[in-house]
Amino acid sequence: MTDSPSNAGPAPQVGVRDLRVTFGRTIAVADVSVEVAPGVTGVLGPNGAGKTSLLRVLATDLRPQRGKVQFDGRPVDSRRTVRHYRRAVGFLPQRPDWHKWMTVREAVAYFAWLRAVPRNARSEAVGNSIEMVGLSRRAENRLGELSGGMFQRAMLATTLVHQPEVLILDEPTAGLDPVQRHQFREIVRLRPASSVTLISTHVFEDVTNLATNIVVMHDGRLPFTGTIREFTDQLNPDGGSSAEALEAAYLRFVGTDDVG
């Protein structure tokens, strides 16, 4: 296992306060407040629990009906603060899509420009990001020519190119084979210990291999936030903190009827 490098800079603080997201009469997120600590936090919950809506709000990809994102103790509620925050965030949506006629290098370079990577550092940043996800030999391939797993890794490279303080990943290992999933975990482990990484996933091995803390969403609410061990101990004191123990505790917590 590769140890996470230290980071001398201040640890970012990210969260939401009194967040409500609705789609018509459906309440996707119901008055949720949470602060995410530095390190890796897993976001768990059945389909329709509100996980994607929460992550999209945190990424400023979705405007809530009520509540605000907070970054470094300040609300992200003006053009200036949104611009500052977006430069600190990398976001990989659940079903990423991008212009398939672009090459891998062009797509990553565009996001480097979008996230204000300095011009004199942009080429190196793009190359490093592509190499990090194992696509150096595919850098000149068009996105439309890639397999599903390679495309997912290319999209991951676009989120990493500016070395974000806050990384938000929604189902990042969907479509990846076991080797690629292992490579993904190694990439996350290389992030600075002071950075924030949020991973929404149904793959319990990803959570137990990477995260210490978890957030469990259910019916748009957050019935549990804390460590993996605290969660498993709450439901099965002898369960431990393995992927199997986490999955068993999770199924007991949400009920099998809600899993789909």
Protein backbone atom coordinates (compact mmCIF):
# COMPACT_ATOMS: atom_id res chain seq x y z
CA MET A 1 0.00 0.00 0.00
CA THR A 2 1.28 3.46 -0.90
CA ASP A 3 1.18 5.97 1.92
CA SER A 4 -0.58 9.26 1.24
CA PRO A 5 1.86 12.15 0.98
CA SER A 6 1.63 14.88 3.58
CA ASN A 7 0.48 18.35 2.68
CA ALA A 8 1.80 21.38 4.50
CA GLY A 9 -1.16 23.56 3.48
CA PRO A 10 -4.29 24.04 5.59
CA ALA A 11 -6.87 21.29 5.37
CA PRO A 12 -10.00 22.34 3.46
CA GLN A 13 -13.37 22.22 5.18
CA VAL A 14 -16.32 21.30 2.99
CA GLY A 15 -19.96 20.83 3.85
CA VAL A 16 -23.57 21.77 3.37
CA ARG A 17 -26.00 23.38 5.79
CA ASP A 18 -29.79 23.01 5.79
CA LEU A 19 -29.69 21.57 2.29
CA ARG A 20 -32.94 20.79 0.50
CA VAL A 21 -33.18 19.53 -3.08
CA THR A 22 -36.52 18.84 -4.76
CA PHE A 23 -37.58 17.66 -8.19
CA GLY A 24 -41.21 18.61 -8.56
CA ARG A 25 -42.95 17.18 -5.51
CA THR A 26 -40.15 14.71 -4.83
CA ILE A 27 -37.76 15.63 -2.03
CA ALA A 28 -34.33 14.27 -3.00
CA VAL A 29 -32.41 15.80 -0.07
CA ALA A 30 -34.34 16.80 3.04
CA ASP A 31 -32.76 19.59 5.11
CA VAL A 32 -29.36 17.93 5.45
CA SER A 33 -26.34 19.42 7.19
CA VAL A 34 -22.95 17.72 7.11
CA GLU A 35 -19.27 18.64 7.21
CA VAL A 36 -16.76 16.41 5.45
CA ALA A 37 -13.40 15.93 7.12
CA PRO A 38 -10.09 15.69 5.24
CA GLY A 39 -9.35 12.19 4.02
CA VAL A 40 -11.61 9.79 2.14
CA THR A 41 -15.30 9.55 2.99
CA GLY A 42 -17.56 6.91 1.48
CA VAL A 43 -21.15 7.85 0.64
CA LEU A 44 -23.49 4.88 0.91
CA GLY A 45 -27.19 4.47 0.34
CA PRO A 46 -29.72 2.70 -1.88
CA ASN A 47 -30.65 4.00 -5.30
CA GLY A 48 -32.82 7.08 -4.97
CA ALA A 49 -31.50 7.93 -1.50
CA GLY A 50 -30.22 11.35 -2.61
CA LYS A 51 -26.50 10.60 -2.90
CA THR A 52 -26.08 11.96 -6.42
CA SER A 53 -28.08 15.10 -5.63
CA LEU A 54 -25.89 15.76 -2.58
CA LEU A 55 -22.69 15.31 -4.57
CA ARG A 56 -23.93 17.46 -7.45
CA VAL A 57 -24.72 20.28 -5.05
CA LEU A 58 -21.29 19.95 -3.46
CA ALA A 59 -19.79 20.18 -6.95
CA THR A 60 -21.97 23.24 -7.79
CA ASP A 61 -23.46 21.20 -10.63
CA LEU A 62 -26.95 21.49 -9.12
CA ARG A 63 -28.57 24.44 -7.40
CA PRO A 64 -30.54 23.52 -4.28
CA GLN A 65 -33.92 24.91 -3.34
CA ARG A 66 -32.57 25.76 0.10
CA GLY A 67 -29.28 25.69 1.94
CA LYS A 68 -25.71 26.42 0.95
CA VAL A 69 -22.37 24.79 0.34
CA GLN A 70 -19.66 25.90 2.73
CA PHE A 71 -15.95 25.90 1.96
CA ASP A 72 -13.29 26.83 4.48
CA GLY A 73 -15.99 28.06 6.83
CA ARG A 74 -17.58 30.44 4.33
CA PRO A 75 -20.76 30.07 2.26
CA VAL A 76 -20.34 29.51 -1.46
CA ASP A 77 -23.06 31.96 -2.48
CA SER A 78 -21.63 34.57 -4.82
CA ARG A 79 -20.03 34.62 -8.24
CA ARG A 80 -16.62 35.19 -6.68
CA THR A 81 -16.90 32.45 -4.06
CA VAL A 82 -18.35 29.96 -6.57
CA ARG A 83 -15.47 30.63 -8.97
CA HIS A 84 -12.92 30.20 -6.17
CA TYR A 85 -14.55 27.00 -4.96
CA ARG A 86 -14.86 25.45 -8.42
CA ARG A 87 -11.14 25.83 -8.94
CA ALA A 88 -10.61 23.75 -5.82
CA VAL A 89 -13.00 20.95 -6.85
CA GLY A 90 -12.71 17.95 -9.15
CA PHE A 91 -16.01 16.25 -9.97
CA LEU A 92 -16.58 12.92 -11.73
CA PRO A 93 -20.34 12.47 -12.29
CA GLN A 94 -22.09 9.12 -12.21
CA ARG A 95 -22.43 8.87 -15.98
CA PRO A 96 -19.74 11.14 -17.37
CA ASP A 97 -20.13 12.29 -20.94
CA TRP A 98 -17.96 14.51 -23.02
CA HIS A 99 -17.27 15.42 -26.64
CA LYS A 100 -16.27 12.06 -28.10
CA TRP A 101 -14.41 13.68 -30.99
CA MET A 102 -11.82 15.11 -28.59
CA THR A 103 -8.64 13.20 -27.88
CA VAL A 104 -7.79 12.26 -24.32
CA ARG A 105 -5.11 14.93 -24.25
CA GLU A 106 -7.44 17.60 -25.62
CA ALA A 107 -10.14 16.81 -23.06
CA VAL A 108 -7.74 16.90 -20.12
CA ALA A 109 -6.12 20.09 -21.45
CA TYR A 110 -9.53 21.74 -21.69
CA PHE A 111 -10.26 20.98 -18.04
CA ALA A 112 -6.79 22.24 -17.10
CA TRP A 113 -7.70 25.55 -18.74
CA LEU A 114 -11.15 25.52 -17.17
CA ARG A 115 -9.66 25.03 -13.70
CA ALA A 116 -7.11 27.81 -14.23
CA VAL A 117 -3.95 25.71 -14.31
CA PRO A 118 -1.22 28.26 -15.22
CA ARG A 119 -0.32 28.23 -18.91
CA ASN A 120 3.36 27.49 -18.26
CA ALA A 121 2.44 24.45 -16.12
CA ARG A 122 -0.48 23.18 -18.18
CA SER A 123 1.31 20.77 -20.52
CA GLU A 124 3.12 19.03 -17.67
CA ALA A 125 -0.06 18.85 -15.58
CA VAL A 126 -1.97 17.28 -18.47
CA GLY A 127 0.75 14.70 -19.10
CA ASN A 128 1.02 13.83 -15.42
CA SER A 129 -2.75 13.41 -15.06
CA ILE A 130 -2.97 11.15 -18.12
CA GLU A 131 -0.02 9.09 -16.90
CA MET A 132 -1.58 8.80 -13.44
CA VAL A 133 -4.64 7.03 -14.87
CA GLY A 134 -2.54 4.80 -17.14
CA LEU A 135 -3.55 6.28 -20.49
CA SER A 136 -0.26 7.73 -21.78
CA ARG A 137 -0.29 5.37 -24.76
CA ARG A 138 -3.87 6.41 -25.54
CA ALA A 139 -3.38 10.15 -25.13
CA GLU A 140 -3.96 10.87 -28.83
CA ASN A 141 -6.95 8.53 -29.14
CA ARG A 142 -10.37 10.11 -29.45
CA LEU A 143 -12.64 9.56 -26.48
CA GLY A 144 -15.12 7.79 -28.74
CA GLU A 145 -12.51 5.17 -29.55
CA LEU A 146 -11.96 4.12 -25.94
CA SER A 147 -13.51 1.19 -24.11
CA GLY A 148 -15.89 2.00 -21.27
CA GLY A 149 -13.23 1.48 -18.62
CA MET A 150 -10.66 3.60 -20.48
CA PHE A 151 -13.20 6.37 -20.99
CA GLN A 152 -13.94 6.36 -17.25
CA ARG A 153 -10.22 6.70 -16.54
CA ALA A 154 -9.94 9.56 -19.06
CA MET A 155 -12.75 11.37 -17.26
CA LEU A 156 -10.97 10.75 -13.96
CA ALA A 157 -7.87 12.40 -15.46
CA THR A 158 -9.91 15.54 -16.20
CA THR A 159 -10.88 15.78 -12.52
CA LEU A 160 -7.30 15.35 -11.29
CA VAL A 161 -5.42 17.67 -13.65
CA HIS A 162 -5.54 20.71 -11.33
CA GLN A 163 -4.75 18.68 -8.19
CA PRO A 164 -8.05 19.56 -6.52
CA GLU A 165 -8.34 20.09 -2.80
CA VAL A 166 -11.80 18.53 -2.98
CA LEU A 167 -12.43 15.45 -5.13
CA ILE A 168 -16.04 14.30 -5.61
CA LEU A 169 -16.55 10.92 -7.29
CA ASP A 170 -19.95 9.42 -8.07
CA GLU A 171 -19.69 5.68 -8.82
CA PRO A 172 -16.11 6.08 -10.08
CA THR A 173 -15.33 2.36 -10.50
CA ALA A 174 -18.43 1.53 -12.52
CA GLY A 175 -17.28 -0.32 -15.63
CA LEU A 176 -13.76 -0.92 -14.35
CA ASP A 177 -12.29 -4.41 -14.17
CA PRO A 178 -10.52 -5.61 -10.99
CA VAL A 179 -7.09 -4.44 -12.17
CA GLN A 180 -8.42 -1.01 -13.11
CA ARG A 181 -10.26 -0.78 -9.78
CA HIS A 182 -6.99 -1.51 -7.98
CA GLN A 183 -5.28 1.22 -10.04
CA PHE A 184 -8.06 3.63 -9.14
CA ARG A 185 -7.55 2.95 -5.44
CA GLU A 186 -3.83 3.60 -5.77
CA ILE A 187 -4.58 6.96 -7.42
CA VAL A 188 -6.83 7.98 -4.54
CA ARG A 189 -4.22 6.86 -1.98
CA LEU A 190 -1.70 9.23 -3.57
CA ARG A 191 -3.82 12.27 -2.78
CA PRO A 192 -2.55 14.53 0.01
CA ALA A 193 -3.74 13.51 3.45
CA SER A 194 -5.14 17.02 4.00
CA SER A 195 -7.38 16.89 0.93
CA VAL A 196 -11.05 15.89 0.90
CA THR A 197 -12.28 12.96 -1.20
CA LEU A 198 -15.93 11.92 -1.37
CA ILE A 199 -16.76 8.62 -3.06
CA SER A 200 -20.32 7.44 -3.67
CA THR A 201 -20.28 3.74 -4.50
CA HIS A 202 -22.02 0.39 -4.12
CA VAL A 203 -18.63 -1.37 -4.10
CA PHE A 204 -17.94 -1.98 -0.42
CA GLU A 205 -14.33 -3.01 -1.11
CA ASP A 206 -13.67 0.49 -2.46
CA VAL A 207 -14.95 1.98 0.79
CA THR A 208 -13.08 -0.29 3.20
CA ASN A 209 -9.86 -0.06 1.18
CA LEU A 210 -9.88 3.73 1.02
CA ALA A 211 -12.17 5.38 3.55
CA THR A 212 -12.19 5.82 7.29
CA ASN A 213 -15.43 7.75 7.49
CA ILE A 214 -18.78 7.06 5.84
CA VAL A 215 -21.99 8.95 5.26
CA VAL A 216 -25.15 6.86 4.89
CA MET A 217 -28.08 8.42 3.04
CA HIS A 218 -31.62 7.09 3.21
CA ASP A 219 -34.81 8.76 1.96
CA GLY A 220 -32.96 12.02 1.42
CA ARG A 221 -31.62 12.17 4.96
CA LEU A 222 -28.36 11.33 6.72
CA PRO A 223 -29.19 8.83 9.46
CA PHE A 224 -25.50 8.04 10.03
CA THR A 225 -22.16 9.83 9.75
CA GLY A 226 -19.03 8.48 11.38
CA THR A 227 -16.33 5.86 11.00
CA ILE A 228 -16.81 2.48 9.36
CA ARG A 229 -16.07 0.75 12.64
CA GLU A 230 -18.65 2.82 14.51
CA PHE A 231 -21.23 1.90 11.89
CA THR A 232 -20.54 -1.84 11.96
CA ASP A 233 -20.28 -1.91 15.76
CA GLN A 234 -23.67 -0.25 16.01
CA LEU A 235 -25.30 -3.13 14.13
CA ASN A 236 -22.94 -6.03 14.81
CA PRO A 237 -20.34 -5.49 17.56
CA ASP A 238 -18.38 -8.57 16.48
CA GLY A 239 -18.45 -7.77 12.78
CA GLY A 240 -15.21 -5.84 12.38
CA SER A 241 -14.55 -3.39 9.55
CA SER A 242 -14.07 -5.63 6.51
CA ALA A 243 -16.02 -5.15 3.29
CA GLU A 244 -18.21 -8.12 4.21
CA ALA A 245 -18.93 -6.67 7.66
CA LEU A 246 -19.74 -3.27 6.19
CA GLU A 247 -22.07 -4.78 3.59
CA ALA A 248 -23.87 -6.87 6.22
CA ALA A 249 -24.29 -3.86 8.51
CA TYR A 250 -25.47 -1.70 5.62
CA LEU A 251 -28.08 -4.23 4.51
CA ARG A 252 -29.34 -4.54 8.06
CA PHE A 253 -29.45 -0.75 8.40
CA VAL A 254 -31.35 0.11 5.21
CA GLY A 255 -33.33 -3.13 4.83
CA THR A 256 -33.09 -5.40 1.81
CA ASP A 257 -36.36 -4.07 0.38
CA ASP A 258 -34.67 -0.70 -0.22
CA VAL A 259 -31.68 -2.12 -2.10
CA GLY A 260 -31.97 -1.99 -5.84
